[in-house]
Amino acid sequence: MKKKTIIAICTAVPVAALAAFWYRRCHRTYSAQ
Protein backbone atom coordinates (compact mmCIF):
# COMPACT_ATOMS: atom_id res chain seq x y z
CA MET A 1 0.00 0.00 0.00
CA LYS A 2 1.09 3.55 -0.68
CA LYS A 3 1.73 5.94 2.17
CA LYS A 4 -0.81 8.39 0.77
CA THR A 5 -3.50 5.71 0.84
CA ILE A 6 -2.74 4.86 4.47
CA ILE A 7 -2.78 8.55 5.44
CA ALA A 8 -6.07 9.03 3.60
CA ILE A 9 -7.65 6.07 5.41
CA CYS A 10 -6.28 7.19 8.78
CA THR A 11 -7.80 10.64 8.29
CA ALA A 12 -11.06 9.52 6.68
CA VAL A 13 -12.01 6.90 9.28
CA PRO A 14 -11.95 9.16 12.40
CA VAL A 15 -13.64 11.99 10.48
CA ALA A 16 -16.40 9.66 9.27
CA ALA A 17 -16.85 8.26 12.78
CA LEU A 18 -17.11 11.76 14.26
CA ALA A 19 -19.54 12.85 11.55
CA ALA A 20 -21.75 9.81 12.18
CA PHE A 21 -21.60 10.40 15.94
CA TRP A 22 -22.61 14.05 15.69
CA TYR A 23 -25.28 13.25 13.09
CA ARG A 24 -26.88 10.67 15.39
CA ARG A 25 -26.58 12.96 18.41
CA CYS A 26 -28.22 15.88 16.61
CA HIS A 27 -30.88 13.60 15.16
CA ARG A 28 -31.75 12.26 18.60
CA THR A 29 -32.06 15.77 20.00
CA TYR A 30 -34.38 16.91 17.21
CA SER A 31 -36.42 13.71 17.42
CA ALA A 32 -36.93 14.18 21.17
CA GLN A 33 -38.35 17.64 20.58
PDB file of N, CA and C in Angstrom:
ATOM      1  N   MET A   1       0.831  -1.210   0.000  1.00  0.00           N
ATOM      2  CA  MET A   1       0.000   0.000   0.000  1.00  0.00           C
ATOM      3  C   MET A   1       0.863   1.256   0.000  1.00  0.00           C
ATOM      4  N   LYS A   2       0.360   2.273  -0.639  1.00  0.00           N
ATOM      5  CA  LYS A   2       1.088   3.545  -0.683  1.00  0.00           C
ATOM      6  C   LYS A   2       0.871   4.323   0.607  1.00  0.00           C
ATOM      7  N   LYS A   3       1.841   5.140   0.941  1.00  0.00           N
ATOM      8  CA  LYS A   3       1.725   5.943   2.172  1.00  0.00           C
ATOM      9  C   LYS A   3       0.531   6.885   2.096  1.00  0.00           C
ATOM     10  N   LYS A   4       0.307   7.447   0.924  1.00  0.00           N
ATOM     11  CA  LYS A   4      -0.812   8.387   0.770  1.00  0.00           C
ATOM     12  C   LYS A   4      -2.143   7.703   1.063  1.00  0.00           C
ATOM     13  N   THR A   5      -2.262   6.457   0.609  1.00  0.00           N
ATOM     14  CA  THR A   5      -3.502   5.715   0.841  1.00  0.00           C
ATOM     15  C   THR A   5      -3.720   5.491   2.327  1.00  0.00           C
ATOM     16  N   ILE A   6      -2.646   5.103   3.027  1.00  0.00           N
ATOM     17  CA  ILE A   6      -2.737   4.861   4.475  1.00  0.00           C
ATOM     18  C   ILE A   6      -3.116   6.148   5.201  1.00  0.00           C
ATOM     19  N   ILE A   7      -2.477   7.252   4.815  1.00  0.00           N
ATOM     20  CA  ILE A   7      -2.776   8.552   5.435  1.00  0.00           C
ATOM     21  C   ILE A   7      -4.237   8.925   5.180  1.00  0.00           C
ATOM     22  N   ALA A   8      -4.693   8.700   3.950  1.00  0.00           N
ATOM     23  CA  ALA A   8      -6.072   9.026   3.596  1.00  0.00           C
ATOM     24  C   ALA A   8      -7.053   8.223   4.444  1.00  0.00           C
ATOM     25  N   ILE A   9      -6.779   6.937   4.605  1.00  0.00           N
ATOM     26  CA  ILE A   9      -7.651   6.074   5.411  1.00  0.00           C
ATOM     27  C   ILE A   9      -7.628   6.517   6.873  1.00  0.00           C
ATOM     28  N   CYS A  10      -6.427   6.793   7.373  1.00  0.00           N
ATOM     29  CA  CYS A  10      -6.281   7.191   8.781  1.00  0.00           C
ATOM     30  C   CYS A  10      -6.996   8.505   9.066  1.00  0.00           C
ATOM     31  N   THR A  11      -7.084   9.383   8.077  1.00  0.00           N
ATOM     32  CA  THR A  11      -7.802  10.642   8.293  1.00  0.00           C
ATOM     33  C   THR A  11      -9.299  10.463   8.054  1.00  0.00           C
ATOM     34  N   ALA A  12      -9.656   9.667   7.050  1.00  0.00           N
ATOM     35  CA  ALA A  12     -11.061   9.520   6.675  1.00  0.00           C
ATOM     36  C   ALA A  12     -11.863   8.767   7.737  1.00  0.00           C
ATOM     37  N   VAL A  13     -11.268   7.723   8.312  1.00  0.00           N
ATOM     38  CA  VAL A  13     -12.007   6.895   9.279  1.00  0.00           C
ATOM     39  C   VAL A  13     -12.433   7.687  10.516  1.00  0.00           C
ATOM     40  N   PRO A  14     -11.529   8.384  11.224  1.00  0.00           N
ATOM     41  CA  PRO A  14     -11.952   9.158  12.396  1.00  0.00           C
ATOM     42  C   PRO A  14     -12.946  10.261  12.040  1.00  0.00           C
ATOM     43  N   VAL A  15     -12.736  10.915  10.908  1.00  0.00           N
ATOM     44  CA  VAL A  15     -13.644  11.986  10.481  1.00  0.00           C
ATOM     45  C   VAL A  15     -15.038  11.422  10.227  1.00  0.00           C
ATOM     46  N   ALA A  16     -15.108  10.290   9.554  1.00  0.00           N
ATOM     47  CA  ALA A  16     -16.397   9.658   9.272  1.00  0.00           C
ATOM     48  C   ALA A  16     -17.083   9.229  10.567  1.00  0.00           C
ATOM     49  N   ALA A  17     -16.295   8.695  11.499  1.00  0.00           N
ATOM     50  CA  ALA A  17     -16.850   8.264  12.783  1.00  0.00           C
ATOM     51  C   ALA A  17     -17.409   9.458  13.551  1.00  0.00           C
ATOM     52  N   LEU A  18     -16.647  10.552  13.573  1.00  0.00           N
ATOM     53  CA  LEU A  18     -17.105  11.765  14.261  1.00  0.00           C
ATOM     54  C   LEU A  18     -18.362  12.309  13.604  1.00  0.00           C
ATOM     55  N   ALA A  19     -18.380  12.337  12.277  1.00  0.00           N
ATOM     56  CA  ALA A  19     -19.538  12.846  11.550  1.00  0.00           C
ATOM     57  C   ALA A  19     -20.782  12.018  11.868  1.00  0.00           C
ATOM     58  N   ALA A  20     -20.625  10.697  11.871  1.00  0.00           N
ATOM     59  CA  ALA A  20     -21.753   9.813  12.178  1.00  0.00           C
ATOM     60  C   ALA A  20     -22.231  10.027  13.608  1.00  0.00           C
ATOM     61  N   PHE A  21     -21.267  10.192  14.532  1.00  0.00           N
ATOM     62  CA  PHE A  21     -21.601  10.399  15.940  1.00  0.00           C
ATOM     63  C   PHE A  21     -22.406  11.680  16.119  1.00  0.00           C
ATOM     64  N   TRP A  22     -21.914  12.776  15.543  1.00  0.00           N
ATOM     65  CA  TRP A  22     -22.607  14.054  15.687  1.00  0.00           C
ATOM     66  C   TRP A  22     -23.959  14.022  14.989  1.00  0.00           C
ATOM     67  N   TYR A  23     -24.025  13.340  13.829  1.00  0.00           N
ATOM     68  CA  TYR A  23     -25.283  13.248  13.087  1.00  0.00           C
ATOM     69  C   TYR A  23     -26.343  12.540  13.931  1.00  0.00           C
ATOM     70  N   ARG A  24     -25.942  11.414  14.546  1.00  0.00           N
ATOM     71  CA  ARG A  24     -26.875  10.674  15.393  1.00  0.00           C
ATOM     72  C   ARG A  24     -27.285  11.501  16.587  1.00  0.00           C
ATOM     73  N   ARG A  25     -26.305  12.174  17.210  1.00  0.00           N
ATOM     74  CA  ARG A  25     -26.582  12.959  18.414  1.00  0.00           C
ATOM     75  C   ARG A  25     -27.565  14.087  18.096  1.00  0.00           C
ATOM     76  N   CYS A  26     -27.331  14.780  17.002  1.00  0.00           N
ATOM     77  CA  CYS A  26     -28.219  15.879  16.607  1.00  0.00           C
ATOM     78  C   CYS A  26     -29.598  15.327  16.255  1.00  0.00           C
ATOM     79  N   HIS A  27     -29.619  14.194  15.572  1.00  0.00           N
ATOM     80  CA  HIS A  27     -30.881  13.597  15.158  1.00  0.00           C
ATOM     81  C   HIS A  27     -31.716  13.207  16.372  1.00  0.00           C
ATOM     82  N   ARG A  28     -31.058  12.657  17.375  1.00  0.00           N
ATOM     83  CA  ARG A  28     -31.753  12.261  18.603  1.00  0.00           C
ATOM     84  C   ARG A  28     -32.376  13.480  19.272  1.00  0.00           C
ATOM     85  N   THR A  29     -31.592  14.558  19.339  1.00  0.00           N
ATOM     86  CA  THR A  29     -32.063  15.775  20.005  1.00  0.00           C
ATOM     87  C   THR A  29     -33.303  16.317  19.298  1.00  0.00           C
ATOM     88  N   TYR A  30     -33.246  16.375  17.956  1.00  0.00           N
ATOM     89  CA  TYR A  30     -34.377  16.914  17.210  1.00  0.00           C
ATOM     90  C   TYR A  30     -35.587  15.980  17.305  1.00  0.00           C
ATOM     91  N   SER A  31     -35.329  14.674  17.328  1.00  0.00           N
ATOM     92  CA  SER A  31     -36.424  13.712  17.417  1.00  0.00           C
ATOM     93  C   SER A  31     -37.128  13.828  18.766  1.00  0.00           C
ATOM     94  N   ALA A  32     -36.360  14.077  19.826  1.00  0.00           N
ATOM     95  CA  ALA A  32     -36.930  14.184  21.173  1.00  0.00           C
ATOM     96  C   ALA A  32     -37.867  15.383  21.254  1.00  0.00           C
ATOM     97  N   GLN A  33     -37.510  16.455  20.580  1.00  0.00           N
ATOM     98  CA  GLN A  33     -38.352  17.645  20.582  1.00  0.00           C
ATOM     99  C   GLN A  33     -39.539  17.420  19.649  1.00  0.00           C
TER     100      GLN A  33
END
